[in-house]
Amino acid sequence: MPEGDTIFRTASTLRQVLAGKVVTRFEAPAVRGTGPAVGTAVSEVEARGKHLLIRFGDDRTLHTHMQMHGSWHIYRHGERWRKSPAKARVVIETPEMVAVCFDAPVVELLDRGDLARHPQLTSLGPDLCLKDADIDEALRRMASVDPSAPIGVVLLDQRVAAGIGNVYKSEVLHACRVDPFLPVGSLGSATRRRLLETASTLLRQNLSGGPRRTVREGLAVYERGGRPCRVCGTVIKHRRQGDGGRSTWWCPVCQTTEAGS
């Protein structure tokens, strides 16, 4: 599943291509509602955590969420698509370029009222990809969750803070030396703040593109099960956690933050 940094970069690319441009073709065959008419301009492209919003001059908004397999592609007119047209969920053409969304499971056309009432978008926590992310608000939201929930699960809760996915969950917990399976209620306020601030820092360090890095060598623990920890040499462990069975990688020696710290 694309994480906040990936969606932020996607939005930046789409903004360069679409913002201020006139739509010459819009297709979203499986989506309810009427899309923007030919001649309507794209007014803005915005990332909200893992969600992407394309706003049009007629007050409609296209909402996409990539989940595991979705992606946006940009093509010149006449250029061969890298995926089958049958997988296209949305096609937006301008006089210069073509933007295609493939395989996204969530594609919605929203009017202003829909946007204001949207259950997911309106419940999102602060977007940690933003330099002015409201960490205090994220801490307030974290304090309201079930105190017995493992911190590795809480970090993935987009209602607490938006943008953290499985990669950053594991990487942030390792960077802060926190056991992923500790109950969030056992962690002190300083540790909670450090986790959120580290997540924001690492996400923002990867907004410009290129291979994702959280340490000089690349990634510290993510998908490195059975390999040595880059800090202490202990074998990295892997286990699934939470209702969704999401994978977690961690170092059993480095990540030993005491409860209440």
C-alpha atoms as a PDB file:
ATOM      1  CA  MET A   1       0.000   0.000   0.000  1.00  0.00           C
ATOM      2  CA  PRO A   2       1.468   3.404  -0.928  1.00  0.00           C
ATOM      3  CA  GLU A   3       2.376   5.440   2.123  1.00  0.00           C
ATOM      4  CA  GLY A   4       2.021   9.138   2.722  1.00  0.00           C
ATOM      5  CA  ASP A   5       5.280  10.079   1.026  1.00  0.00           C
ATOM      6  CA  THR A   6       4.319   8.206  -2.152  1.00  0.00           C
ATOM      7  CA  ILE A   7       0.903   9.875  -2.352  1.00  0.00           C
ATOM      8  CA  PHE A   8       2.477  13.275  -1.637  1.00  0.00           C
ATOM      9  CA  ARG A   9       4.875  12.806  -4.562  1.00  0.00           C
ATOM     10  CA  THR A  10       2.051  11.549  -6.779  1.00  0.00           C
ATOM     11  CA  ALA A  11      -0.013  14.622  -5.954  1.00  0.00           C
ATOM     12  CA  SER A  12       2.949  16.889  -6.692  1.00  0.00           C
ATOM     13  CA  THR A  13       3.423  15.278 -10.106  1.00  0.00           C
ATOM     14  CA  LEU A  14      -0.274  15.399 -10.967  1.00  0.00           C
ATOM     15  CA  ARG A  15      -0.432  19.019  -9.822  1.00  0.00           C
ATOM     16  CA  GLN A  16       2.305  19.989 -12.261  1.00  0.00           C
ATOM     17  CA  VAL A  17       0.485  18.238 -15.100  1.00  0.00           C
ATOM     18  CA  LEU A  18      -3.162  19.012 -14.308  1.00  0.00           C
ATOM     19  CA  ALA A  19      -3.561  22.112 -12.138  1.00  0.00           C
ATOM     20  CA  GLY A  20      -4.960  24.998 -14.145  1.00  0.00           C
ATOM     21  CA  LYS A  21      -5.439  22.823 -17.228  1.00  0.00           C
ATOM     22  CA  VAL A  22      -8.702  22.315 -19.093  1.00  0.00           C
ATOM     23  CA  VAL A  23     -10.189  18.827 -19.200  1.00  0.00           C
ATOM     24  CA  THR A  24     -10.637  17.565 -22.757  1.00  0.00           C
ATOM     25  CA  ARG A  25     -11.716  14.063 -21.725  1.00  0.00           C
ATOM     26  CA  PHE A  26     -12.825  12.513 -18.440  1.00  0.00           C
ATOM     27  CA  GLU A  27     -13.715   8.861 -18.034  1.00  0.00           C
ATOM     28  CA  ALA A  28     -14.495   6.949 -14.871  1.00  0.00           C
ATOM     29  CA  PRO A  29     -16.879   4.239 -16.088  1.00  0.00           C
ATOM     30  CA  ALA A  30     -17.403   2.433 -12.794  1.00  0.00           C
ATOM     31  CA  VAL A  31     -17.930   5.556 -10.698  1.00  0.00           C
ATOM     32  CA  ARG A  32     -21.346   6.889  -9.733  1.00  0.00           C
ATOM     33  CA  GLY A  33     -22.105  10.471 -10.655  1.00  0.00           C
ATOM     34  CA  THR A  34     -21.295  12.777 -13.517  1.00  0.00           C
ATOM     35  CA  GLY A  35     -17.708  13.799 -14.043  1.00  0.00           C
ATOM     36  CA  PRO A  36     -16.485  17.251 -15.016  1.00  0.00           C
ATOM     37  CA  ALA A  37     -17.609  18.414 -18.436  1.00  0.00           C
ATOM     38  CA  VAL A  38     -15.153  19.039 -21.246  1.00  0.00           C
ATOM     39  CA  GLY A  39     -13.778  22.528 -20.774  1.00  0.00           C
ATOM     40  CA  THR A  40     -13.784  22.381 -16.964  1.00  0.00           C
ATOM     41  CA  ALA A  41     -10.455  23.304 -15.400  1.00  0.00           C
ATOM     42  CA  VAL A  42      -8.592  21.353 -12.725  1.00  0.00           C
ATOM     43  CA  SER A  43      -8.297  23.721  -9.781  1.00  0.00           C
ATOM     44  CA  GLU A  44      -6.117  21.752  -7.350  1.00  0.00           C
ATOM     45  CA  VAL A  45      -4.495  18.417  -6.583  1.00  0.00           C
ATOM     46  CA  GLU A  46      -4.064  17.577  -2.900  1.00  0.00           C
ATOM     47  CA  ALA A  47      -2.678  14.713  -0.839  1.00  0.00           C
ATOM     48  CA  ARG A  48      -4.258  13.960   2.516  1.00  0.00           C
ATOM     49  CA  GLY A  49      -2.221  11.203   4.082  1.00  0.00           C
ATOM     50  CA  LYS A  50      -2.822   8.204   1.825  1.00  0.00           C
ATOM     51  CA  HIS A  51      -5.755   9.844   0.025  1.00  0.00           C
ATOM     52  CA  LEU A  52      -5.528  11.875  -3.170  1.00  0.00           C
ATOM     53  CA  LEU A  53      -8.007  14.590  -4.145  1.00  0.00           C
ATOM     54  CA  ILE A  54      -8.325  16.241  -7.562  1.00  0.00           C
ATOM     55  CA  ARG A  55     -10.600  19.280  -7.478  1.00  0.00           C
ATOM     56  CA  PHE A  56     -12.350  20.689 -10.526  1.00  0.00           C
ATOM     57  CA  GLY A  57     -13.674  24.155 -11.238  1.00  0.00           C
ATOM     58  CA  ASP A  58     -17.286  22.942 -11.024  1.00  0.00           C
ATOM     59  CA  ASP A  59     -16.858  22.095  -7.287  1.00  0.00           C
ATOM     60  CA  ARG A  60     -16.566  18.362  -7.949  1.00  0.00           C
ATOM     61  CA  THR A  61     -13.702  16.446  -6.364  1.00  0.00           C
ATOM     62  CA  LEU A  62     -12.250  13.128  -7.486  1.00  0.00           C
ATOM     63  CA  HIS A  63     -11.141  11.046  -4.494  1.00  0.00           C
ATOM     64  CA  THR A  64      -8.826   8.077  -5.002  1.00  0.00           C
ATOM     65  CA  HIS A  65      -7.224   5.717  -2.508  1.00  0.00           C
ATOM     66  CA  MET A  66      -4.623   3.316  -3.873  1.00  0.00           C
ATOM     67  CA  GLN A  67      -4.675   0.647  -1.120  1.00  0.00           C
ATOM     68  CA  MET A  68      -2.437  -2.252  -2.231  1.00  0.00           C
ATOM     69  CA  HIS A  69      -2.342  -2.085  -6.013  1.00  0.00           C
ATOM     70  CA  GLY A  70      -3.542   1.288  -7.281  1.00  0.00           C
ATOM     71  CA  SER A  71      -1.324   3.827  -9.043  1.00  0.00           C
ATOM     72  CA  TRP A  72      -1.461   7.003 -11.125  1.00  0.00           C
ATOM     73  CA  HIS A  73       0.448   7.237 -14.424  1.00  0.00           C
ATOM     74  CA  ILE A  74       1.202  10.221 -16.640  1.00  0.00           C
ATOM     75  CA  TYR A  75       1.494   9.857 -20.429  1.00  0.00           C
ATOM     76  CA  ARG A  76       1.923  12.034 -23.462  1.00  0.00           C
ATOM     77  CA  HIS A  77      -0.765  11.780 -26.111  1.00  0.00           C
ATOM     78  CA  GLY A  78      -0.123   8.699 -28.227  1.00  0.00           C
ATOM     79  CA  GLU A  79       2.321   7.178 -25.749  1.00  0.00           C
ATOM     80  CA  ARG A  80       1.754   3.502 -25.009  1.00  0.00           C
ATOM     81  CA  TRP A  81       0.320   2.820 -21.552  1.00  0.00           C
ATOM     82  CA  ARG A  82       2.367   0.599 -19.264  1.00  0.00           C
ATOM     83  CA  LYS A  83      -0.772  -1.207 -18.052  1.00  0.00           C
ATOM     84  CA  SER A  84      -3.786  -2.584 -19.828  1.00  0.00           C
ATOM     85  CA  PRO A  85      -6.515  -0.019 -20.559  1.00  0.00           C
ATOM     86  CA  ALA A  86      -8.923  -2.519 -18.984  1.00  0.00           C
ATOM     87  CA  LYS A  87      -7.332  -1.714 -15.614  1.00  0.00           C
ATOM     88  CA  ALA A  88      -7.927   2.028 -15.942  1.00  0.00           C
ATOM     89  CA  ARG A  89     -10.333   3.373 -13.312  1.00  0.00           C
ATOM     90  CA  VAL A  90     -10.006   7.042 -14.312  1.00  0.00           C
ATOM     91  CA  VAL A  91      -8.711   8.824 -17.407  1.00  0.00           C
ATOM     92  CA  ILE A  92      -8.180  12.605 -17.362  1.00  0.00           C
ATOM     93  CA  GLU A  93      -6.950  14.217 -20.558  1.00  0.00           C
ATOM     94  CA  THR A  94      -5.777  17.786 -21.048  1.00  0.00           C
ATOM     95  CA  PRO A  95      -4.458  19.341 -24.270  1.00  0.00           C
ATOM     96  CA  GLU A  96      -0.935  18.363 -23.230  1.00  0.00           C
ATOM     97  CA  MET A  97      -1.046  15.129 -21.187  1.00  0.00           C
ATOM     98  CA  VAL A  98      -3.079  12.123 -20.059  1.00  0.00           C
ATOM     99  CA  ALA A  99      -3.376  11.076 -16.386  1.00  0.00           C
ATOM    100  CA  VAL A 100      -4.572   7.520 -15.771  1.00  0.00           C
ATOM    101  CA  CYS A 101      -5.453   5.880 -12.465  1.00  0.00           C
ATOM    102  CA  PHE A 102      -5.038   2.101 -12.579  1.00  0.00           C
ATOM    103  CA  ASP A 103      -6.453  -0.506 -10.208  1.00  0.00           C
ATOM    104  CA  ALA A 104      -7.412   1.853  -7.370  1.00  0.00           C
ATOM    105  CA  PRO A 105     -10.175   0.180  -5.324  1.00  0.00           C
ATOM    106  CA  VAL A 106     -11.518   3.532  -4.082  1.00  0.00           C
ATOM    107  CA  VAL A 107     -12.575   6.021  -6.750  1.00  0.00           C
ATOM    108  CA  GLU A 108     -15.304   8.525  -5.931  1.00  0.00           C
ATOM    109  CA  LEU A 109     -16.737  11.706  -7.372  1.00  0.00           C
ATOM    110  CA  LEU A 110     -17.769  14.004  -4.538  1.00  0.00           C
ATOM    111  CA  ASP A 111     -19.605  17.293  -4.468  1.00  0.00           C
ATOM    112  CA  ARG A 112     -18.950  19.870  -1.771  1.00  0.00           C
ATOM    113  CA  GLY A 113     -21.478  18.322   0.616  1.00  0.00           C
ATOM    114  CA  ASP A 114     -20.148  14.796   0.080  1.00  0.00           C
ATOM    115  CA  LEU A 115     -16.641  16.029   0.833  1.00  0.00           C
ATOM    116  CA  ALA A 116     -17.714  17.722   4.061  1.00  0.00           C
ATOM    117  CA  ARG A 117     -19.470  14.548   5.269  1.00  0.00           C
ATOM    118  CA  HIS A 118     -17.020  11.917   4.033  1.00  0.00           C
ATOM    119  CA  PRO A 119     -16.457   9.448   6.905  1.00  0.00           C
ATOM    120  CA  GLN A 120     -12.812   8.709   6.128  1.00  0.00           C
ATOM    121  CA  LEU A 121     -11.600  12.087   4.947  1.00  0.00           C
ATOM    122  CA  THR A 122     -13.185  14.011   7.795  1.00  0.00           C
ATOM    123  CA  SER A 123     -11.761  11.654  10.438  1.00  0.00           C
ATOM    124  CA  LEU A 124      -8.127  11.813   9.284  1.00  0.00           C
ATOM    125  CA  GLY A 125      -5.541  12.897  11.795  1.00  0.00           C
ATOM    126  CA  PRO A 126      -2.837  15.465  11.027  1.00  0.00           C
ATOM    127  CA  ASP A 127      -0.904  14.734   7.841  1.00  0.00           C
ATOM    128  CA  LEU A 128       2.659  13.982   8.930  1.00  0.00           C
ATOM    129  CA  CYS A 129       4.022  14.778   5.472  1.00  0.00           C
ATOM    130  CA  LEU A 130       3.334  18.456   6.098  1.00  0.00           C
ATOM    131  CA  LYS A 131       6.069  20.539   7.695  1.00  0.00           C
ATOM    132  CA  ASP A 132       3.518  22.155  10.016  1.00  0.00           C
ATOM    133  CA  ALA A 133       1.806  18.901  11.014  1.00  0.00           C
ATOM    134  CA  ASP A 134      -0.057  19.377  14.296  1.00  0.00           C
ATOM    135  CA  ILE A 135       1.778  16.914  16.528  1.00  0.00           C
ATOM    136  CA  ASP A 136      -0.138  18.086  19.603  1.00  0.00           C
ATOM    137  CA  GLU A 137      -3.431  17.176  17.916  1.00  0.00           C
ATOM    138  CA  ALA A 138      -2.042  13.765  16.932  1.00  0.00           C
ATOM    139  CA  LEU A 139      -0.977  13.209  20.547  1.00  0.00           C
ATOM    140  CA  ARG A 140      -4.462  14.152  21.725  1.00  0.00           C
ATOM    141  CA  ARG A 141      -5.960  11.625  19.325  1.00  0.00           C
ATOM    142  CA  MET A 142      -3.462   8.953  20.372  1.00  0.00           C
ATOM    143  CA  ALA A 143      -4.473   9.493  23.988  1.00  0.00           C
ATOM    144  CA  SER A 144      -8.089   8.684  23.094  1.00  0.00           C
ATOM    145  CA  VAL A 145      -7.494   5.214  21.622  1.00  0.00           C
ATOM    146  CA  ASP A 146      -7.777   1.948  23.544  1.00  0.00           C
ATOM    147  CA  PRO A 147      -4.753   2.005  25.901  1.00  0.00           C
ATOM    148  CA  SER A 148      -4.295  -1.751  25.459  1.00  0.00           C
ATOM    149  CA  ALA A 149      -3.777  -1.436  21.684  1.00  0.00           C
ATOM    150  CA  PRO A 150      -0.192  -2.223  20.597  1.00  0.00           C
ATOM    151  CA  ILE A 151       1.719   0.861  19.504  1.00  0.00           C
ATOM    152  CA  GLY A 152       2.500  -0.841  16.166  1.00  0.00           C
ATOM    153  CA  VAL A 153      -1.240  -0.955  15.468  1.00  0.00           C
ATOM    154  CA  VAL A 154      -1.915   2.573  16.713  1.00  0.00           C
ATOM    155  CA  LEU A 155       0.695   4.096  14.397  1.00  0.00           C
ATOM    156  CA  LEU A 156      -1.240   2.710  11.418  1.00  0.00           C
ATOM    157  CA  ASP A 157      -4.500   4.304  12.581  1.00  0.00           C
ATOM    158  CA  GLN A 158      -5.018   7.154  10.118  1.00  0.00           C
ATOM    159  CA  ARG A 159      -7.450   8.785  12.562  1.00  0.00           C
ATOM    160  CA  VAL A 160      -4.509   9.425  14.885  1.00  0.00           C
ATOM    161  CA  ALA A 161      -2.053  10.688  12.281  1.00  0.00           C
ATOM    162  CA  ALA A 162      -2.233  10.349   8.514  1.00  0.00           C
ATOM    163  CA  GLY A 163       0.530   9.036   6.289  1.00  0.00           C
ATOM    164  CA  ILE A 164       2.193   6.215   8.242  1.00  0.00           C
ATOM    165  CA  GLY A 165       2.050   2.819   6.566  1.00  0.00           C
ATOM    166  CA  ASN A 166       3.726  -0.489   7.215  1.00  0.00           C
ATOM    167  CA  VAL A 167       7.181   0.679   6.141  1.00  0.00           C
ATOM    168  CA  TYR A 168       7.294   3.716   8.374  1.00  0.00           C
ATOM    169  CA  LYS A 169       5.605   1.924  11.262  1.00  0.00           C
ATOM    170  CA  SER A 170       8.483  -0.535  11.494  1.00  0.00           C
ATOM    171  CA  GLU A 171      11.170   2.033  10.699  1.00  0.00           C
ATOM    172  CA  VAL A 172       9.942   4.630  13.204  1.00  0.00           C
ATOM    173  CA  LEU A 173       9.619   2.120  16.012  1.00  0.00           C
ATOM    174  CA  HIS A 174      13.166   0.943  15.355  1.00  0.00           C
ATOM    175  CA  ALA A 175      14.517   4.494  15.156  1.00  0.00           C
ATOM    176  CA  CYS A 176      12.919   5.275  18.526  1.00  0.00           C
ATOM    177  CA  ARG A 177      13.901   1.895  20.025  1.00  0.00           C
ATOM    178  CA  VAL A 178      10.298   1.029  20.905  1.00  0.00           C
ATOM    179  CA  ASP A 179       8.897  -2.501  21.070  1.00  0.00           C
ATOM    180  CA  PRO A 180       6.027  -2.689  18.515  1.00  0.00           C
ATOM    181  CA  PHE A 181       3.935  -4.852  20.829  1.00  0.00           C
ATOM    182  CA  LEU A 182       3.894  -2.581  23.879  1.00  0.00           C
ATOM    183  CA  PRO A 183       0.432  -1.220  24.725  1.00  0.00           C
ATOM    184  CA  VAL A 184       0.188   2.417  23.744  1.00  0.00           C
ATOM    185  CA  GLY A 185      -1.108   3.205  27.236  1.00  0.00           C
ATOM    186  CA  SER A 186       2.189   2.060  28.733  1.00  0.00           C
ATOM    187  CA  LEU A 187       4.212   4.641  26.798  1.00  0.00           C
ATOM    188  CA  GLY A 188       4.950   8.012  28.297  1.00  0.00           C
ATOM    189  CA  SER A 189       4.155  11.288  26.600  1.00  0.00           C
ATOM    190  CA  ALA A 190       7.776  11.912  25.637  1.00  0.00           C
ATOM    191  CA  THR A 191       7.992   8.568  23.810  1.00  0.00           C
ATOM    192  CA  ARG A 192       4.697   9.153  22.020  1.00  0.00           C
ATOM    193  CA  ARG A 193       5.831  12.581  20.856  1.00  0.00           C
ATOM    194  CA  ARG A 194       9.186  11.205  19.722  1.00  0.00           C
ATOM    195  CA  LEU A 195       7.433   8.540  17.651  1.00  0.00           C
ATOM    196  CA  LEU A 196       5.199  11.051  15.867  1.00  0.00           C
ATOM    197  CA  GLU A 197       7.959  13.599  15.326  1.00  0.00           C
ATOM    198  CA  THR A 198      10.272  10.885  13.975  1.00  0.00           C
ATOM    199  CA  ALA A 199       7.546   9.650  11.632  1.00  0.00           C
ATOM    200  CA  SER A 200       7.045  13.174  10.311  1.00  0.00           C
ATOM    201  CA  THR A 201      10.783  13.692   9.865  1.00  0.00           C
ATOM    202  CA  LEU A 202      11.305  10.412   7.996  1.00  0.00           C
ATOM    203  CA  LEU A 203       8.264  10.914   5.769  1.00  0.00           C
ATOM    204  CA  ARG A 204       9.362  14.435   4.848  1.00  0.00           C
ATOM    205  CA  GLN A 205      12.909  13.285   4.121  1.00  0.00           C
ATOM    206  CA  ASN A 206      11.487  11.075   1.376  1.00  0.00           C
ATOM    207  CA  LEU A 207       9.177  13.522  -0.372  1.00  0.00           C
ATOM    208  CA  SER A 208      11.566  14.417  -3.172  1.00  0.00           C
ATOM    209  CA  GLY A 209      11.703  10.952  -4.734  1.00  0.00           C
ATOM    210  CA  GLY A 210      14.421   8.375  -5.236  1.00  0.00           C
ATOM    211  CA  PRO A 211      14.807   5.168  -3.215  1.00  0.00           C
ATOM    212  CA  ARG A 212      13.162   5.450   0.185  1.00  0.00           C
ATOM    213  CA  ARG A 213      15.700   5.796   2.990  1.00  0.00           C
ATOM    214  CA  THR A 214      15.373   5.967   6.735  1.00  0.00           C
ATOM    215  CA  VAL A 215      19.038   5.150   7.416  1.00  0.00           C
ATOM    216  CA  ARG A 216      22.134   5.633   5.283  1.00  0.00           C
ATOM    217  CA  GLU A 217      21.974   2.084   3.893  1.00  0.00           C
ATOM    218  CA  GLY A 218      18.297   2.316   2.965  1.00  0.00           C
ATOM    219  CA  LEU A 219      15.819   0.796   5.428  1.00  0.00           C
ATOM    220  CA  ALA A 220      16.696  -0.342   8.925  1.00  0.00           C
ATOM    221  CA  VAL A 221      14.320  -3.267   9.508  1.00  0.00           C
ATOM    222  CA  TYR A 222      11.446  -3.319   6.991  1.00  0.00           C
ATOM    223  CA  GLU A 223      11.422  -6.627   5.060  1.00  0.00           C
ATOM    224  CA  ARG A 224      14.792  -7.528   6.616  1.00  0.00           C
ATOM    225  CA  GLY A 225      13.576 -10.472   8.684  1.00  0.00           C
ATOM    226  CA  GLY A 226      16.374 -12.972   9.383  1.00  0.00           C
ATOM    227  CA  ARG A 227      19.082 -10.411   8.566  1.00  0.00           C
ATOM    228  CA  PRO A 228      21.277  -8.615  11.094  1.00  0.00           C
ATOM    229  CA  CYS A 229      20.174  -5.397  12.714  1.00  0.00           C
ATOM    230  CA  ARG A 230      22.215  -2.525  11.303  1.00  0.00           C
ATOM    231  CA  VAL A 231      22.775  -1.229  14.850  1.00  0.00           C
ATOM    232  CA  CYS A 232      23.557  -4.268  17.008  1.00  0.00           C
ATOM    233  CA  GLY A 233      23.774  -7.236  14.628  1.00  0.00           C
ATOM    234  CA  THR A 234      20.904  -9.156  16.242  1.00  0.00           C
ATOM    235  CA  VAL A 235      18.680 -11.051  13.823  1.00  0.00           C
ATOM    236  CA  ILE A 236      15.640  -8.972  12.789  1.00  0.00           C
ATOM    237  CA  LYS A 237      12.318 -10.610  13.661  1.00  0.00           C
ATOM    238  CA  HIS A 238       9.035 -10.566  11.776  1.00  0.00           C
ATOM    239  CA  ARG A 239       5.508 -11.040  13.077  1.00  0.00           C
ATOM    240  CA  ARG A 240       1.992 -10.043  12.100  1.00  0.00           C
ATOM    241  CA  GLN A 241      -0.091  -7.935  14.416  1.00  0.00           C
ATOM    242  CA  GLY A 242      -3.500  -6.309  14.604  1.00  0.00           C
ATOM    243  CA  ASP A 243      -6.831  -7.343  13.152  1.00  0.00           C
ATOM    244  CA  GLY A 244      -5.511  -6.920   9.618  1.00  0.00           C
ATOM    245  CA  GLY A 245      -2.478  -9.109  10.265  1.00  0.00           C
ATOM    246  CA  ARG A 246      -0.095  -6.411   9.091  1.00  0.00           C
ATOM    247  CA  SER A 247       3.584  -7.372   9.078  1.00  0.00           C
ATOM    248  CA  THR A 248       5.978  -5.871  11.595  1.00  0.00           C
ATOM    249  CA  TRP A 249       9.767  -6.129  11.583  1.00  0.00           C
ATOM    250  CA  TRP A 250      11.821  -5.260  14.658  1.00  0.00           C
ATOM    251  CA  CYS A 251      15.057  -5.853  16.536  1.00  0.00           C
ATOM    252  CA  PRO A 252      14.415  -7.652  19.847  1.00  0.00           C
ATOM    253  CA  VAL A 253      17.561  -6.159  21.383  1.00  0.00           C
ATOM    254  CA  CYS A 254      17.417  -2.534  20.244  1.00  0.00           C
ATOM    255  CA  GLN A 255      13.678  -2.103  20.717  1.00  0.00           C
ATOM    256  CA  THR A 256      13.286  -2.441  24.458  1.00  0.00           C
ATOM    257  CA  THR A 257      11.830   0.923  25.568  1.00  0.00           C
ATOM    258  CA  GLU A 258      10.500   0.492  29.066  1.00  0.00           C
ATOM    259  CA  ALA A 259       6.821   1.104  29.710  1.00  0.00           C
ATOM    260  CA  GLY A 260       6.157   4.608  30.963  1.00  0.00           C
ATOM    261  CA  SER A 261       9.302   6.147  29.496  1.00  0.00           C
END
